[in-house]
C-alpha atoms as a PDB file:
ATOM      1  CA  MET A   1      -0.147  -0.084   0.153  1.00  0.00           C
ATOM      2  CA  SER A   2       1.249   3.386  -0.708  1.00  0.00           C
ATOM      3  CA  GLU A   3       1.562   6.068   2.029  1.00  0.00           C
ATOM      4  CA  LYS A   4      -1.856   7.801   0.795  1.00  0.00           C
ATOM      5  CA  SER A   5      -3.851   4.804   0.800  1.00  0.00           C
ATOM      6  CA  LYS A   6      -3.081   3.989   4.596  1.00  0.00           C
ATOM      7  CA  PRO A   7      -5.797   4.710   6.774  1.00  0.00           C
ATOM      8  CA  ASN A   8      -5.110   7.182   9.673  1.00  0.00           C
ATOM      9  CA  GLN A   9      -3.549   6.001  12.643  1.00  0.00           C
ATOM     10  CA  ASN A  10      -4.120   7.712  15.898  1.00  0.00           C
ATOM     11  CA  LYS A  11      -1.208   7.984  18.459  1.00  0.00           C
ATOM     12  CA  TYR A  12      -3.473   6.835  21.223  1.00  0.00           C
ATOM     13  CA  THR A  13      -6.354   4.481  21.313  1.00  0.00           C
ATOM     14  CA  TYR A  14      -9.147   6.292  23.136  1.00  0.00           C
ATOM     15  CA  LYS A  15     -11.855   4.572  25.200  1.00  0.00           C
ATOM     16  CA  TYR A  16     -15.148   6.671  25.267  1.00  0.00           C
ATOM     17  CA  ILE A  17     -16.791   7.704  28.233  1.00  0.00           C
ATOM     18  CA  GLN A  18     -20.194   9.111  27.795  1.00  0.00           C
ATOM     19  CA  PHE A  19     -21.940  11.506  30.242  1.00  0.00           C
ATOM     20  CA  THR A  20     -25.323  13.387  30.066  1.00  0.00           C
ATOM     21  CA  ALA A  21     -25.591  16.972  30.203  1.00  0.00           C
ATOM     22  CA  THR A  22     -28.690  19.460  29.608  1.00  0.00           C
ATOM     23  CA  PRO A  23     -28.937  21.611  26.607  1.00  0.00           C
ATOM     24  CA  THR A  24     -27.698  24.674  28.336  1.00  0.00           C
ATOM     25  CA  GLU A  25     -24.958  22.804  29.978  1.00  0.00           C
ATOM     26  CA  LYS A  26     -23.716  21.506  26.572  1.00  0.00           C
ATOM     27  CA  LYS A  27     -24.148  25.113  25.121  1.00  0.00           C
ATOM     28  CA  GLN A  28     -21.739  26.402  28.020  1.00  0.00           C
ATOM     29  CA  ILE A  29     -19.187  23.719  27.618  1.00  0.00           C
ATOM     30  CA  LYS A  30     -18.960  24.347  24.010  1.00  0.00           C
ATOM     31  CA  HIS A  31     -18.842  27.979  24.735  1.00  0.00           C
ATOM     32  CA  PHE A  32     -15.732  27.643  27.185  1.00  0.00           C
ATOM     33  CA  ALA A  33     -14.095  25.321  24.766  1.00  0.00           C
ATOM     34  CA  ASN A  34     -14.366  27.827  22.149  1.00  0.00           C
ATOM     35  CA  LYS A  35     -13.234  30.669  24.351  1.00  0.00           C
ATOM     36  CA  GLU A  36     -10.110  28.786  25.447  1.00  0.00           C
ATOM     37  CA  ASN A  37      -9.417  27.920  21.799  1.00  0.00           C
ATOM     38  CA  PHE A  38      -9.716  23.972  22.066  1.00  0.00           C
ATOM     39  CA  LYS A  39     -10.062  22.329  18.935  1.00  0.00           C
ATOM     40  CA  THR A  40     -12.803  19.633  20.165  1.00  0.00           C
ATOM     41  CA  THR A  41     -15.311  19.923  23.267  1.00  0.00           C
ATOM     42  CA  SER A  42     -13.892  16.430  24.197  1.00  0.00           C
ATOM     43  CA  GLU A  43     -10.367  17.805  24.548  1.00  0.00           C
ATOM     44  CA  PHE A  44     -11.683  20.701  26.760  1.00  0.00           C
ATOM     45  CA  VAL A  45     -13.649  18.236  28.895  1.00  0.00           C
ATOM     46  CA  ARG A  46     -10.444  16.024  29.132  1.00  0.00           C
ATOM     47  CA  ARG A  47      -8.217  18.794  30.253  1.00  0.00           C
ATOM     48  CA  ILE A  48     -10.814  19.792  32.987  1.00  0.00           C
ATOM     49  CA  VAL A  49     -11.078  16.277  34.279  1.00  0.00           C
ATOM     50  CA  PHE A  50      -7.464  15.982  34.483  1.00  0.00           C
ATOM     51  CA  ASP A  51      -6.877  19.417  36.086  1.00  0.00           C
ATOM     52  CA  TYR A  52      -9.194  18.546  38.485  1.00  0.00           C
ATOM     53  CA  ILE A  53      -7.428  15.059  39.325  1.00  0.00           C
ATOM     54  CA  ARG A  54      -4.229  17.074  39.666  1.00  0.00           C
ATOM     55  CA  ARG A  55      -5.872  19.590  42.128  1.00  0.00           C
ATOM     56  CA  GLN A  56      -7.170  16.560  44.320  1.00  0.00           C
ATOM     57  CA  GLU A  57      -3.853  14.690  44.183  1.00  0.00           C
ATOM     58  CA  ASN A  58      -1.702  17.768  45.136  1.00  0.00           C
ATOM     59  CA  PRO A  59      -4.184  20.319  47.120  1.00  0.00           C
ATOM     60  CA  GLU A  60      -1.119  21.980  48.734  1.00  0.00           C
ATOM     61  CA  LEU A  61      -0.127  23.450  45.168  1.00  0.00           C
ATOM     62  CA  PHE A  62      -3.496  24.978  44.376  1.00  0.00           C
ATOM     63  CA  HIS A  63      -5.562  27.483  46.054  1.00  0.00           C
ATOM     64  CA  SER A  64      -9.165  26.479  46.618  1.00  0.00           C
ATOM     65  CA  ALA A  65     -11.983  27.264  44.246  1.00  0.00           C
ATOM     66  CA  TYR A  66     -14.067  28.619  46.926  1.00  0.00           C
ATOM     67  CA  ASN A  67     -11.337  30.770  48.416  1.00  0.00           C
ATOM     68  CA  ASN A  68      -9.852  33.421  46.683  1.00  0.00           C
ATOM     69  CA  SER A  69      -6.725  33.804  49.049  1.00  0.00           C
ATOM     70  CA  ILE A  70      -3.476  32.224  48.247  1.00  0.00           C
ATOM     71  CA  ASN A  71      -2.880  29.013  50.153  1.00  0.00           C
ATOM     72  CA  PRO A  72      -0.897  29.679  53.265  1.00  0.00           C
ATOM     73  CA  LEU A  73       1.784  27.083  52.515  1.00  0.00           C
ATOM     74  CA  GLN A  74       2.486  28.706  49.181  1.00  0.00           C
ATOM     75  CA  ILE A  75       2.958  31.931  51.419  1.00  0.00           C
ATOM     76  CA  GLU A  76       5.278  30.315  53.856  1.00  0.00           C
ATOM     77  CA  ARG A  77       7.434  28.652  50.759  1.00  0.00           C
ATOM     78  CA  ILE A  78       7.378  32.148  49.105  1.00  0.00           C
ATOM     79  CA  ALA A  79       8.322  33.828  52.527  1.00  0.00           C
ATOM     80  CA  LYS A  80      11.135  31.244  53.091  1.00  0.00           C
ATOM     81  CA  ASN A  81      12.446  31.677  49.945  1.00  0.00           C
ATOM     82  CA  ILE A  82      12.565  35.409  49.750  1.00  0.00           C
ATOM     83  CA  ARG A  83      14.485  35.147  53.497  1.00  0.00           C
ATOM     84  CA  GLU A  84      16.972  32.746  51.870  1.00  0.00           C
ATOM     85  CA  ILE A  85      17.562  35.148  48.818  1.00  0.00           C
ATOM     86  CA  MET A  86      18.272  38.190  51.090  1.00  0.00           C
ATOM     87  CA  LYS A  87      20.506  36.250  53.249  1.00  0.00           C
ATOM     88  CA  ASN A  88      22.477  35.239  50.105  1.00  0.00           C
ATOM     89  CA  GLN A  89      22.512  38.677  48.702  1.00  0.00           C
ATOM     90  CA  GLU A  90      24.157  39.948  51.987  1.00  0.00           C
ATOM     91  CA  ILE A  91      26.944  37.211  51.765  1.00  0.00           C
ATOM     92  CA  ILE A  92      27.646  38.374  48.216  1.00  0.00           C
ATOM     93  CA  LEU A  93      27.737  41.915  48.919  1.00  0.00           C
ATOM     94  CA  GLN A  94      30.272  41.134  51.957  1.00  0.00           C
ATOM     95  CA  ARG A  95      32.367  38.947  49.454  1.00  0.00           C
ATOM     96  CA  GLU A  96      32.433  41.770  47.019  1.00  0.00           C
ATOM     97  CA  ASP A  97      33.725  43.998  49.761  1.00  0.00           C
ATOM     98  CA  LYS A  98      36.409  41.515  50.445  1.00  0.00           C
ATOM     99  CA  LEU A  99      37.047  41.044  46.989  1.00  0.00           C
ATOM    100  CA  GLU A 100      37.588  44.995  46.537  1.00  0.00           C
ATOM    101  CA  GLU A 101      39.801  45.022  49.482  1.00  0.00           C
ATOM    102  CA  MET A 102      41.768  42.284  47.937  1.00  0.00           C
ATOM    103  CA  ARG A 103      42.323  43.955  44.765  1.00  0.00           C
ATOM    104  CA  GLU A 104      43.624  47.112  46.396  1.00  0.00           C
ATOM    105  CA  LEU A 105      45.843  45.035  48.400  1.00  0.00           C
ATOM    106  CA  VAL A 106      47.180  43.273  45.083  1.00  0.00           C
ATOM    107  CA  ILE A 107      47.848  46.789  43.301  1.00  0.00           C
ATOM    108  CA  ASN A 108      49.857  47.952  46.484  1.00  0.00           C
ATOM    109  CA  LEU A 109      51.543  44.925  46.884  1.00  0.00           C
ATOM    110  CA  ASN A 110      52.483  44.995  42.897  1.00  0.00           C
ATOM    111  CA  LYS A 111      53.767  48.569  43.353  1.00  0.00           C
ATOM    112  CA  LEU A 112      56.175  47.589  46.360  1.00  0.00           C
ATOM    113  CA  ALA A 113      57.367  44.480  44.474  1.00  0.00           C
ATOM    114  CA  GLU A 114      58.008  46.507  41.227  1.00  0.00           C
ATOM    115  CA  SER A 115      60.008  49.048  43.344  1.00  0.00           C
ATOM    116  CA  ASN A 116      61.847  46.257  45.327  1.00  0.00           C
ATOM    117  CA  ALA A 117      62.787  44.345  42.150  1.00  0.00           C
ATOM    118  CA  LEU A 118      64.674  47.497  40.786  1.00  0.00           C
ATOM    119  CA  ALA A 119      66.203  48.102  44.467  1.00  0.00           C
ATOM    120  CA  LYS A 120      69.643  46.400  43.278  1.00  0.00           C
ATOM    121  CA  GLU A 121      69.789  48.464  39.993  1.00  0.00           C
ATOM    122  CA  ARG A 122      68.814  51.649  42.193  1.00  0.00           C
ATOM    123  CA  GLU A 123      71.528  51.149  44.436  1.00  0.00           C
ATOM    124  CA  THR A 124      73.933  50.573  41.194  1.00  0.00           C
ATOM    125  CA  ILE A 125      72.820  54.022  39.720  1.00  0.00           C
ATOM    126  CA  ILE A 126      73.065  55.880  43.344  1.00  0.00           C
ATOM    127  CA  GLN A 127      76.780  54.440  43.278  1.00  0.00           C
ATOM    128  CA  LEU A 128      77.530  55.774  40.100  1.00  0.00           C
ATOM    129  CA  LEU A 129      76.063  59.094  40.504  1.00  0.00           C
ATOM    130  CA  GLU A 130      77.786  59.533  43.833  1.00  0.00           C
ATOM    131  CA  LYS A 131      81.291  58.826  41.852  1.00  0.00           C
ATOM    132  CA  HIS A 132      80.443  60.936  38.894  1.00  0.00           C
ATOM    133  CA  ASN A 133      78.191  63.907  40.651  1.00  0.00           C
ATOM    134  CA  SER A 134      76.091  63.840  37.238  1.00  0.00           C
ATOM    135  CA  LEU A 135      75.707  61.770  34.263  1.00  0.00           C
ATOM    136  CA  SER A 136      73.513  61.739  30.901  1.00  0.00           C
ATOM    137  CA  LEU A 137      71.330  59.018  30.273  1.00  0.00           C
ATOM    138  CA  ARG A 138      73.460  57.689  27.681  1.00  0.00           C
ATOM    139  CA  GLN A 139      76.477  57.428  30.170  1.00  0.00           C
ATOM    140  CA  ILE A 140      74.149  55.770  32.788  1.00  0.00           C
ATOM    141  CA  GLN A 141      73.125  53.051  30.262  1.00  0.00           C
ATOM    142  CA  GLU A 142      76.720  52.423  29.215  1.00  0.00           C
ATOM    143  CA  GLU A 143      77.932  52.248  32.797  1.00  0.00           C
ATOM    144  CA  THR A 144      75.221  49.852  34.030  1.00  0.00           C
ATOM    145  CA  LYS A 145      74.404  48.088  31.045  1.00  0.00           C
ATOM    146  CA  LEU A 146      70.577  48.539  32.024  1.00  0.00           C
ATOM    147  CA  ALA A 147      67.516  48.952  29.423  1.00  0.00           C
ATOM    148  CA  GLU A 148      66.424  52.480  29.008  1.00  0.00           C
ATOM    149  CA  GLU A 149      63.134  51.517  30.352  1.00  0.00           C
ATOM    150  CA  ILE A 150      64.418  50.510  33.661  1.00  0.00           C
ATOM    151  CA  ILE A 151      66.589  53.299  33.762  1.00  0.00           C
ATOM    152  CA  PHE A 152      63.577  55.724  33.388  1.00  0.00           C
ATOM    153  CA  LYS A 153      61.789  54.077  36.004  1.00  0.00           C
ATOM    154  CA  ILE A 154      64.464  54.259  38.683  1.00  0.00           C
ATOM    155  CA  ILE A 155      65.283  58.037  37.886  1.00  0.00           C
ATOM    156  CA  SER A 156      61.437  59.053  37.887  1.00  0.00           C
ATOM    157  CA  ASP A 157      61.700  58.764  41.484  1.00  0.00           C
ATOM    158  CA  MET A 158      62.212  62.514  42.072  1.00  0.00           C
ATOM    159  CA  ASN A 159      62.596  62.183  45.846  1.00  0.00           C
ATOM    160  CA  LEU A 160      65.943  60.664  45.075  1.00  0.00           C
ATOM    161  CA  PHE A 161      67.407  62.092  41.638  1.00  0.00           C
ATOM    162  CA  LYS A 162      67.054  65.522  39.865  1.00  0.00           C
ATOM    163  CA  ILE A 163      67.622  66.822  36.693  1.00  0.00           C
ATOM    164  CA  THR A 164      70.415  69.507  36.255  1.00  0.00           C
ATOM    165  CA  SER A 165      69.991  72.425  33.850  1.00  0.00           C
ATOM    166  CA  THR A 166      72.343  70.634  31.403  1.00  0.00           C
ATOM    167  CA  GLY A 167      69.886  67.643  31.097  1.00  0.00           C
ATOM    168  CA  ARG A 168      72.030  65.565  33.196  1.00  0.00           C
ATOM    169  CA  PHE A 169      71.082  63.305  36.257  1.00  0.00           C
ATOM    170  CA  ALA A 170      72.231  63.894  39.908  1.00  0.00           C
ATOM    171  CA  LEU A 171      71.459  62.980  43.229  1.00  0.00           C
ATOM    172  CA  ARG A 172      69.402  65.307  45.376  1.00  0.00           C
END
């Protein structure tokens, strides 16, 4: 048989349940089924029945049809979740404050480490300037064999070094 000649096969095999309803009830059921965009009234009735079964099996999840207030168990769960969220937010804020303090500490440590890393080179330049009183950048570079960037980092400390009127570097 070809695809077109096969009879329509349903996914499910349905058993029929019949119930009686007055003509006004039938109209009301059809009206609500159309209003809720159900394809058939049987689909609407099936959904309503299973909704009712779910409500009976799990009454704590649904509020009563006769009472328009929220279920107290749900309110308690919501309140508990809100308290837990607030506690977690407080912990996060504390951790962010500590993280900011740690960042500042790392920045300060990096500055100290950088200045301490050049301590030996600084001493070499200081001893050299004590011998010669003043030197140009090229002379300092030739004597110490240090890179120009390192010499600039060391000499940029204006508390220890000064630039003379001839553009040479000397100790303060």
